[in-house]
Protein backbone atom coordinates (compact mmCIF):
# COMPACT_ATOMS: atom_id res chain seq x y z
CA UNK A 1 -4.69 -2.90 -16.19
CA UNK A 2 -4.55 0.80 -16.98
CA UNK A 3 -1.12 2.35 -17.57
CA UNK A 4 -0.65 5.84 -16.14
CA UNK A 5 2.03 8.40 -16.87
CA UNK A 6 3.40 11.09 -14.57
CA UNK A 7 3.61 14.55 -16.14
CA UNK A 8 5.29 17.80 -15.13
CA UNK A 9 2.68 20.36 -14.06
CA UNK A 10 4.38 23.60 -13.08
CA UNK A 11 6.77 22.78 -10.21
CA UNK A 12 4.84 19.61 -9.36
CA UNK A 13 4.34 16.20 -10.88
CA UNK A 14 0.80 15.15 -11.77
CA UNK A 15 -0.96 11.97 -12.71
CA UNK A 16 -3.33 12.09 -15.65
CA UNK A 17 -6.23 9.67 -15.26
CA UNK A 18 -7.86 8.48 -18.48
CA UNK A 19 -11.63 8.67 -18.89
CA UNK A 20 -11.97 4.90 -18.26
CA UNK A 21 -10.24 5.22 -14.87
CA UNK A 22 -12.41 8.20 -13.89
CA UNK A 23 -15.54 6.27 -14.74
CA UNK A 24 -14.44 3.17 -12.82
CA UNK A 25 -13.55 5.28 -9.77
CA UNK A 26 -16.78 7.26 -10.08
CA UNK A 27 -14.98 10.59 -9.87
CA UNK A 28 -14.70 13.80 -11.84
CA UNK A 29 -12.49 16.88 -11.93
CA UNK A 30 -12.19 18.45 -8.48
CA UNK A 31 -13.12 15.29 -6.53
CA UNK A 32 -10.88 14.00 -3.73
CA UNK A 33 -9.07 10.67 -3.97
CA UNK A 34 -7.27 8.59 -1.34
CA UNK A 35 -3.92 6.93 -1.96
CA UNK A 36 -3.44 4.31 0.73
CA UNK A 37 -0.82 1.65 1.36
CA UNK A 38 -2.06 -1.92 1.65
CA UNK A 39 -0.53 -5.07 3.02
CA UNK A 40 2.65 -5.96 1.17
CA UNK A 41 3.37 -2.35 0.23
CA UNK A 42 1.00 -2.03 -2.73
CA UNK A 43 -0.73 1.32 -3.17
CA UNK A 44 -4.48 1.70 -3.65
CA UNK A 45 -6.26 4.67 -5.22
CA UNK A 46 -9.89 5.08 -4.21
CA UNK A 47 -12.60 7.69 -4.36
CA UNK A 48 -13.35 9.92 -1.38
CA UNK A 49 -16.09 8.57 0.84
CA UNK A 50 -17.57 10.57 3.71
CA UNK A 51 -18.11 7.30 5.62
CA UNK A 52 -14.50 6.25 5.20
CA UNK A 53 -13.27 9.73 6.15
CA UNK A 54 -15.34 9.58 9.35
CA UNK A 55 -14.04 6.08 10.18
CA UNK A 56 -10.44 7.21 9.66
CA UNK A 57 -10.99 10.25 11.89
CA UNK A 58 -12.51 8.06 14.62
CA UNK A 59 -9.61 5.60 14.35
CA UNK A 60 -7.04 8.39 14.61
CA UNK A 61 -8.86 9.83 17.63
CA UNK A 62 -8.90 6.39 19.28
CA UNK A 63 -5.18 5.87 18.60
CA UNK A 64 -4.36 9.31 20.01
CA UNK A 65 -6.45 8.64 23.12
CA UNK A 66 -4.72 5.31 23.83
CA UNK A 67 -1.23 6.16 22.48
CA UNK A 68 0.52 5.26 25.76
CA UNK A 69 -1.31 1.94 25.99
CA UNK A 70 -0.35 1.01 22.41
CA UNK A 71 3.29 1.90 23.10
CA UNK A 72 3.32 -0.27 26.23
CA UNK A 73 1.75 -3.18 24.34
CA UNK A 74 4.27 -2.85 21.51
CA UNK A 75 7.20 -3.50 23.86
C-alpha cells in the first residue's frame, strides 16, 4: 500500500504521487488519469487509455440513445 497526502496548491488541493506510484501506473507529468468508483464505493485510479476512453464514449452514446427505454425498465 502506498500512502498519499493531499497538499494545498494555490486555491486547489493536489495529490502528490511518489515515483513508485508513477512507475506502477506507467504515467509521467502531464499524463491523464481516471478516478472511477467501483462496486462497494471504492475509488480506483488508473492511467488514461485511448481504448477505454473510446469504450466510455460509446457507452455514454448508447445510454443517451436509449435513455427513455432505461427509465421505463427502471420502474
